Amino acid sequence: MNVQRALKRGIDIIVSTAGLVILSPVLLGVGLAVWICHGRPILFRQSRPGLGGKPFVIYKFRTMVESRDDSGAMLSDGQRLTKLGRILRATSLDELPELYNVLLGEMSLVGPRPLLTEYVDRYTSVQARRHGMKPGMTGWAQINGRNGTTWEQRFALDLWYVENWSLTVDLDILLRTPWTVVRRAGISAPGHPTMPEFTGPKAGNGQQR
């Protein structure tokens, strides 16, 4: 298993390096579009729990503006998500800067998606096992419903991946991810810009960035 994990890391380094080089024109183009439509900063940075729950800073292209109401309170995610932001999310182009996280070793190409830090204390002991693998740019849950699943279903899919991981499983996920993106399947949960907030077992309401 240690050999497989070493191979997984080697693949992550090779693919993320090649991706950052080959996709550099796309990265520059998207960055320019974000700068024109949203202004600065171009990148969205946020602390997320990684392997073992250890926090790291995730990088994405910004898909929302910092709009506030008359009282100074931040508007909801749905109100701040721009037309460009919706396109970037629908095509997963907002996720491309995560290749840098993969190169740094904070993420993997494949693994459970990194959720919000405040969710960690809400997990059951079983749900917390999703942190037994590095978070990924894509994962078993992403090709099996993505944000269209319930929180219980997503955790079940993440745990299946952690418990059944192999390089063959990773290859299967990587090969199936482009079709998931093209179909734009499960981009958001019904009535939400992405997913409702996870408030603990028997998930709750709200928005997640």
C-alpha atoms as a PDB file:
ATOM      1  CA  MET A   1       0.000   0.000   0.000  1.00  0.00           C
ATOM      2  CA  ASN A   2       2.902   2.365   0.750  1.00  0.00           C
ATOM      3  CA  VAL A   3       4.203   1.740  -2.765  1.00  0.00           C
ATOM      4  CA  GLN A   4       0.786   2.583  -4.227  1.00  0.00           C
ATOM      5  CA  ARG A   5       0.633   5.782  -2.187  1.00  0.00           C
ATOM      6  CA  ALA A   6       4.112   6.738  -3.415  1.00  0.00           C
ATOM      7  CA  LEU A   7       2.977   6.107  -6.976  1.00  0.00           C
ATOM      8  CA  LYS A   8      -0.159   8.182  -6.352  1.00  0.00           C
ATOM      9  CA  ARG A   9       2.002  11.074  -5.170  1.00  0.00           C
ATOM     10  CA  GLY A  10       4.318  10.697  -8.155  1.00  0.00           C
ATOM     11  CA  ILE A  11       1.362  10.839 -10.537  1.00  0.00           C
ATOM     12  CA  ASP A  12       0.062  13.924  -8.718  1.00  0.00           C
ATOM     13  CA  ILE A  13       3.390  15.718  -9.166  1.00  0.00           C
ATOM     14  CA  ILE A  14       3.742  14.826 -12.846  1.00  0.00           C
ATOM     15  CA  VAL A  15       0.150  15.630 -13.827  1.00  0.00           C
ATOM     16  CA  SER A  16      -0.127  18.839 -11.781  1.00  0.00           C
ATOM     17  CA  THR A  17       3.181  20.148 -13.137  1.00  0.00           C
ATOM     18  CA  ALA A  18       2.210  19.299 -16.719  1.00  0.00           C
ATOM     19  CA  GLY A  19      -1.265  20.729 -16.164  1.00  0.00           C
ATOM     20  CA  LEU A  20       0.027  24.049 -14.853  1.00  0.00           C
ATOM     21  CA  VAL A  21       2.351  24.366 -17.856  1.00  0.00           C
ATOM     22  CA  ILE A  22       0.000  23.152 -20.589  1.00  0.00           C
ATOM     23  CA  LEU A  23      -3.024  24.986 -19.207  1.00  0.00           C
ATOM     24  CA  SER A  24      -1.135  28.212 -18.478  1.00  0.00           C
ATOM     25  CA  PRO A  25      -2.882  30.052 -21.374  1.00  0.00           C
ATOM     26  CA  VAL A  26      -6.250  28.962 -19.960  1.00  0.00           C
ATOM     27  CA  LEU A  27      -5.233  29.984 -16.452  1.00  0.00           C
ATOM     28  CA  LEU A  28      -4.116  33.389 -17.709  1.00  0.00           C
ATOM     29  CA  GLY A  29      -7.286  33.841 -19.768  1.00  0.00           C
ATOM     30  CA  VAL A  30      -9.612  32.923 -16.911  1.00  0.00           C
ATOM     31  CA  GLY A  31      -7.603  35.088 -14.527  1.00  0.00           C
ATOM     32  CA  LEU A  32      -7.943  38.056 -16.883  1.00  0.00           C
ATOM     33  CA  ALA A  33     -11.701  37.480 -17.204  1.00  0.00           C
ATOM     34  CA  VAL A  34     -12.074  37.353 -13.414  1.00  0.00           C
ATOM     35  CA  TRP A  35     -10.029  40.550 -13.041  1.00  0.00           C
ATOM     36  CA  ILE A  36     -12.186  42.383 -15.610  1.00  0.00           C
ATOM     37  CA  CYS A  37     -15.534  41.166 -14.229  1.00  0.00           C
ATOM     38  CA  HIS A  38     -14.807  40.894 -10.503  1.00  0.00           C
ATOM     39  CA  GLY A  39     -11.735  43.013  -9.910  1.00  0.00           C
ATOM     40  CA  ARG A  40      -9.089  41.952  -7.425  1.00  0.00           C
ATOM     41  CA  PRO A  41      -8.284  39.582  -5.857  1.00  0.00           C
ATOM     42  CA  ILE A  42      -8.420  37.149  -8.752  1.00  0.00           C
ATOM     43  CA  LEU A  43      -8.030  34.075  -6.567  1.00  0.00           C
ATOM     44  CA  PHE A  44     -10.326  32.905  -3.805  1.00  0.00           C
ATOM     45  CA  ARG A  45      -8.306  31.665  -0.819  1.00  0.00           C
ATOM     46  CA  GLN A  46      -9.804  29.810   2.116  1.00  0.00           C
ATOM     47  CA  SER A  47      -8.614  27.463   4.833  1.00  0.00           C
ATOM     48  CA  ARG A  48      -9.879  23.909   4.324  1.00  0.00           C
ATOM     49  CA  PRO A  49      -9.205  20.676   6.252  1.00  0.00           C
ATOM     50  CA  GLY A  50      -6.793  18.309   4.525  1.00  0.00           C
ATOM     51  CA  LEU A  51      -5.249  14.953   5.362  1.00  0.00           C
ATOM     52  CA  GLY A  52      -5.980  14.126   8.995  1.00  0.00           C
ATOM     53  CA  GLY A  53      -8.007  17.327   9.242  1.00  0.00           C
ATOM     54  CA  LYS A  54      -4.860  19.491   9.031  1.00  0.00           C
ATOM     55  CA  PRO A  55      -5.821  22.885   7.543  1.00  0.00           C
ATOM     56  CA  PHE A  56      -4.359  24.228   4.315  1.00  0.00           C
ATOM     57  CA  VAL A  57      -5.190  27.179   2.048  1.00  0.00           C
ATOM     58  CA  ILE A  58      -7.128  26.196  -1.063  1.00  0.00           C
ATOM     59  CA  TYR A  59      -6.859  28.267  -4.251  1.00  0.00           C
ATOM     60  CA  LYS A  60      -9.697  28.806  -6.741  1.00  0.00           C
ATOM     61  CA  PHE A  61     -10.679  31.454  -9.223  1.00  0.00           C
ATOM     62  CA  ARG A  62     -13.109  33.883  -7.608  1.00  0.00           C
ATOM     63  CA  THR A  63     -16.713  33.336  -8.682  1.00  0.00           C
ATOM     64  CA  MET A  64     -18.431  35.824  -6.358  1.00  0.00           C
ATOM     65  CA  VAL A  65     -18.286  39.551  -5.702  1.00  0.00           C
ATOM     66  CA  GLU A  66     -18.164  41.065  -2.220  1.00  0.00           C
ATOM     67  CA  SER A  67     -21.593  42.710  -2.380  1.00  0.00           C
ATOM     68  CA  ARG A  68     -23.232  43.835   0.869  1.00  0.00           C
ATOM     69  CA  ASP A  69     -26.662  45.141   1.821  1.00  0.00           C
ATOM     70  CA  ASP A  70     -27.397  48.609   3.229  1.00  0.00           C
ATOM     71  CA  SER A  71     -26.490  47.450   6.747  1.00  0.00           C
ATOM     72  CA  GLY A  72     -23.095  46.216   5.618  1.00  0.00           C
ATOM     73  CA  ALA A  73     -23.961  42.520   5.889  1.00  0.00           C
ATOM     74  CA  MET A  74     -22.668  40.222   3.152  1.00  0.00           C
ATOM     75  CA  LEU A  75     -25.334  39.165   0.662  1.00  0.00           C
ATOM     76  CA  SER A  76     -26.110  35.470   0.182  1.00  0.00           C
ATOM     77  CA  ASP A  77     -23.941  33.294  -2.052  1.00  0.00           C
ATOM     78  CA  GLY A  78     -26.698  33.167  -4.654  1.00  0.00           C
ATOM     79  CA  GLN A  79     -26.838  36.962  -4.837  1.00  0.00           C
ATOM     80  CA  ARG A  80     -23.050  37.359  -5.040  1.00  0.00           C
ATOM     81  CA  LEU A  81     -22.471  34.615  -7.614  1.00  0.00           C
ATOM     82  CA  THR A  82     -21.943  36.345 -10.972  1.00  0.00           C
ATOM     83  CA  LYS A  83     -22.753  35.224 -14.506  1.00  0.00           C
ATOM     84  CA  LEU A  84     -19.057  34.570 -15.099  1.00  0.00           C
ATOM     85  CA  GLY A  85     -18.921  32.728 -11.790  1.00  0.00           C
ATOM     86  CA  ARG A  86     -21.753  30.433 -12.844  1.00  0.00           C
ATOM     87  CA  ILE A  87     -19.927  29.637 -16.084  1.00  0.00           C
ATOM     88  CA  LEU A  88     -16.678  28.920 -14.242  1.00  0.00           C
ATOM     89  CA  ARG A  89     -18.442  26.625 -11.785  1.00  0.00           C
ATOM     90  CA  ALA A  90     -20.437  24.859 -14.496  1.00  0.00           C
ATOM     91  CA  THR A  91     -17.225  24.098 -16.426  1.00  0.00           C
ATOM     92  CA  SER A  92     -15.112  23.525 -13.264  1.00  0.00           C
ATOM     93  CA  LEU A  93     -12.608  26.098 -14.566  1.00  0.00           C
ATOM     94  CA  ASP A  94     -12.690  27.774 -11.147  1.00  0.00           C
ATOM     95  CA  GLU A  95     -10.987  24.661  -9.752  1.00  0.00           C
ATOM     96  CA  LEU A  96      -7.869  24.832 -11.972  1.00  0.00           C
ATOM     97  CA  PRO A  97      -5.699  26.735  -9.428  1.00  0.00           C
ATOM     98  CA  GLU A  98      -6.028  23.685  -7.175  1.00  0.00           C
ATOM     99  CA  LEU A  99      -3.375  22.086  -9.385  1.00  0.00           C
ATOM    100  CA  TYR A 100      -0.970  24.204  -7.331  1.00  0.00           C
ATOM    101  CA  ASN A 101      -2.361  22.647  -4.134  1.00  0.00           C
ATOM    102  CA  VAL A 102      -1.771  19.229  -5.691  1.00  0.00           C
ATOM    103  CA  LEU A 103       1.811  20.133  -6.607  1.00  0.00           C
ATOM    104  CA  LEU A 104       2.431  21.280  -3.018  1.00  0.00           C
ATOM    105  CA  GLY A 105       1.141  17.951  -1.706  1.00  0.00           C
ATOM    106  CA  GLU A 106      -1.822  19.482   0.138  1.00  0.00           C
ATOM    107  CA  MET A 107      -4.308  17.877  -2.253  1.00  0.00           C
ATOM    108  CA  SER A 108      -4.376  14.976  -4.687  1.00  0.00           C
ATOM    109  CA  LEU A 109      -5.899  14.739  -8.138  1.00  0.00           C
ATOM    110  CA  VAL A 110      -8.411  12.284  -6.657  1.00  0.00           C
ATOM    111  CA  GLY A 111      -9.864  12.201  -3.163  1.00  0.00           C
ATOM    112  CA  PRO A 112     -12.795  13.447  -1.083  1.00  0.00           C
ATOM    113  CA  ARG A 113     -13.499  17.101  -1.879  1.00  0.00           C
ATOM    114  CA  PRO A 114     -12.208  19.508   0.823  1.00  0.00           C
ATOM    115  CA  LEU A 115     -15.193  20.918   2.706  1.00  0.00           C
ATOM    116  CA  LEU A 116     -15.405  23.895   5.061  1.00  0.00           C
ATOM    117  CA  THR A 117     -13.288  23.963   8.210  1.00  0.00           C
ATOM    118  CA  GLU A 118     -16.286  24.614  10.444  1.00  0.00           C
ATOM    119  CA  TYR A 119     -17.806  21.302   9.370  1.00  0.00           C
ATOM    120  CA  VAL A 120     -15.055  19.244  11.036  1.00  0.00           C
ATOM    121  CA  ASP A 121     -16.516  19.518  14.539  1.00  0.00           C
ATOM    122  CA  ARG A 122     -19.929  18.497  13.172  1.00  0.00           C
ATOM    123  CA  TYR A 123     -18.808  15.130  11.790  1.00  0.00           C
ATOM    124  CA  THR A 124     -19.600  11.850  13.444  1.00  0.00           C
ATOM    125  CA  SER A 125     -16.577   9.642  14.130  1.00  0.00           C
ATOM    126  CA  VAL A 126     -17.459   7.666  11.001  1.00  0.00           C
ATOM    127  CA  GLN A 127     -17.805  10.756   8.785  1.00  0.00           C
ATOM    128  CA  ALA A 128     -14.443  12.048  10.043  1.00  0.00           C
ATOM    129  CA  ARG A 129     -12.758   9.081   8.393  1.00  0.00           C
ATOM    130  CA  ARG A 130     -13.073  10.938   5.069  1.00  0.00           C
ATOM    131  CA  HIS A 131      -9.885  12.735   6.169  1.00  0.00           C
ATOM    132  CA  GLY A 132      -7.971   9.477   5.953  1.00  0.00           C
ATOM    133  CA  MET A 133      -6.995  10.456   2.403  1.00  0.00           C
ATOM    134  CA  LYS A 134      -5.829  13.761   0.954  1.00  0.00           C
ATOM    135  CA  PRO A 135      -8.668  15.857  -0.452  1.00  0.00           C
ATOM    136  CA  GLY A 136      -8.949  15.761  -4.230  1.00  0.00           C
ATOM    137  CA  MET A 137      -9.812  17.927  -7.203  1.00  0.00           C
ATOM    138  CA  THR A 138     -12.266  15.191  -8.170  1.00  0.00           C
ATOM    139  CA  GLY A 139     -13.527  12.153  -6.342  1.00  0.00           C
ATOM    140  CA  TRP A 140     -15.921   9.233  -6.118  1.00  0.00           C
ATOM    141  CA  ALA A 141     -18.716  11.509  -4.897  1.00  0.00           C
ATOM    142  CA  GLN A 142     -18.118  13.943  -7.777  1.00  0.00           C
ATOM    143  CA  ILE A 143     -18.724  11.316 -10.468  1.00  0.00           C
ATOM    144  CA  ASN A 144     -21.687   9.895  -8.562  1.00  0.00           C
ATOM    145  CA  GLY A 145     -23.954  12.891  -8.145  1.00  0.00           C
ATOM    146  CA  ARG A 146     -21.659  15.734  -7.085  1.00  0.00           C
ATOM    147  CA  ASN A 147     -23.695  18.464  -5.335  1.00  0.00           C
ATOM    148  CA  GLY A 148     -26.938  16.805  -6.394  1.00  0.00           C
ATOM    149  CA  THR A 149     -26.582  14.229  -3.608  1.00  0.00           C
ATOM    150  CA  THR A 150     -27.594  14.578   0.032  1.00  0.00           C
ATOM    151  CA  TRP A 151     -24.905  15.032   2.656  1.00  0.00           C
ATOM    152  CA  GLU A 152     -25.493  11.472   3.891  1.00  0.00           C
ATOM    153  CA  GLN A 153     -24.970  10.123   0.373  1.00  0.00           C
ATOM    154  CA  ARG A 154     -21.850  12.233  -0.148  1.00  0.00           C
ATOM    155  CA  PHE A 155     -20.248  11.036   3.073  1.00  0.00           C
ATOM    156  CA  ALA A 156     -21.104   7.429   2.217  1.00  0.00           C
ATOM    157  CA  LEU A 157     -19.419   7.849  -1.184  1.00  0.00           C
ATOM    158  CA  ASP A 158     -16.357   9.517   0.377  1.00  0.00           C
ATOM    159  CA  LEU A 159     -16.013   6.733   2.933  1.00  0.00           C
ATOM    160  CA  TRP A 160     -16.338   4.095   0.215  1.00  0.00           C
ATOM    161  CA  TYR A 161     -13.424   5.744  -1.581  1.00  0.00           C
ATOM    162  CA  VAL A 162     -11.230   5.921   1.547  1.00  0.00           C
ATOM    163  CA  GLU A 163     -11.915   2.277   2.380  1.00  0.00           C
ATOM    164  CA  ASN A 164     -11.570   0.933  -1.179  1.00  0.00           C
ATOM    165  CA  TRP A 165      -8.905   3.221  -2.612  1.00  0.00           C
ATOM    166  CA  SER A 166      -6.495   1.908  -5.226  1.00  0.00           C
ATOM    167  CA  LEU A 167      -4.723   3.327  -8.256  1.00  0.00           C
ATOM    168  CA  THR A 168      -7.285   1.507 -10.400  1.00  0.00           C
ATOM    169  CA  VAL A 169     -10.125   3.323  -8.623  1.00  0.00           C
ATOM    170  CA  ASP A 170      -8.302   6.645  -9.130  1.00  0.00           C
ATOM    171  CA  LEU A 171      -7.875   5.929 -12.838  1.00  0.00           C
ATOM    172  CA  ASP A 172     -11.570   5.088 -13.160  1.00  0.00           C
ATOM    173  CA  ILE A 173     -12.526   8.378 -11.472  1.00  0.00           C
ATOM    174  CA  LEU A 174     -10.141  10.424 -13.630  1.00  0.00           C
ATOM    175  CA  LEU A 175     -11.477   8.858 -16.831  1.00  0.00           C
ATOM    176  CA  ARG A 176     -15.101   9.476 -15.830  1.00  0.00           C
ATOM    177  CA  THR A 177     -14.634  13.048 -14.542  1.00  0.00           C
ATOM    178  CA  PRO A 178     -14.552  14.828 -17.953  1.00  0.00           C
ATOM    179  CA  TRP A 179     -17.941  13.365 -18.899  1.00  0.00           C
ATOM    180  CA  THR A 180     -19.362  14.509 -15.557  1.00  0.00           C
ATOM    181  CA  VAL A 181     -18.093  18.035 -16.257  1.00  0.00           C
ATOM    182  CA  VAL A 182     -19.403  18.039 -19.842  1.00  0.00           C
ATOM    183  CA  ARG A 183     -22.840  16.880 -18.688  1.00  0.00           C
ATOM    184  CA  ARG A 184     -22.773  19.554 -15.966  1.00  0.00           C
ATOM    185  CA  ALA A 185     -24.292  16.950 -13.680  1.00  0.00           C
ATOM    186  CA  GLY A 186     -24.956  17.852 -10.051  1.00  0.00           C
ATOM    187  CA  ILE A 187     -23.500  21.364 -10.204  1.00  0.00           C
ATOM    188  CA  SER A 188     -25.826  22.465  -7.425  1.00  0.00           C
ATOM    189  CA  ALA A 189     -28.439  21.097  -5.068  1.00  0.00           C
ATOM    190  CA  PRO A 190     -32.049  22.059  -5.852  1.00  0.00           C
ATOM    191  CA  GLY A 191     -32.696  25.584  -4.565  1.00  0.00           C
ATOM    192  CA  HIS A 192     -29.050  26.313  -3.753  1.00  0.00           C
ATOM    193  CA  PRO A 193     -26.139  27.865  -5.687  1.00  0.00           C
ATOM    194  CA  THR A 194     -23.958  24.895  -4.647  1.00  0.00           C
ATOM    195  CA  MET A 195     -24.840  22.762  -1.600  1.00  0.00           C
ATOM    196  CA  PRO A 196     -26.874  23.489   1.539  1.00  0.00           C
ATOM    197  CA  GLU A 197     -24.768  23.973   4.655  1.00  0.00           C
ATOM    198  CA  PHE A 198     -23.830  20.830   6.555  1.00  0.00           C
ATOM    199  CA  THR A 199     -25.058  21.337  10.119  1.00  0.00           C
ATOM    200  CA  GLY A 200     -24.308  17.854  11.380  1.00  0.00           C
ATOM    201  CA  PRO A 201     -25.951  14.447  10.956  1.00  0.00           C
ATOM    202  CA  LYS A 202     -29.244  14.845   9.062  1.00  0.00           C
ATOM    203  CA  ALA A 203     -27.814  17.880   7.128  1.00  0.00           C
ATOM    204  CA  GLY A 204     -29.353  21.336   7.439  1.00  0.00           C
ATOM    205  CA  ASN A 205     -29.959  24.491   5.457  1.00  0.00           C
ATOM    206  CA  GLY A 206     -27.940  27.481   4.188  1.00  0.00           C
ATOM    207  CA  GLN A 207     -25.190  27.922   1.639  1.00  0.00           C
ATOM    208  CA  GLN A 208     -21.662  26.721   1.159  1.00  0.00           C
ATOM    209  CA  ARG A 209     -18.993  28.483  -0.855  1.00  0.00           C
END
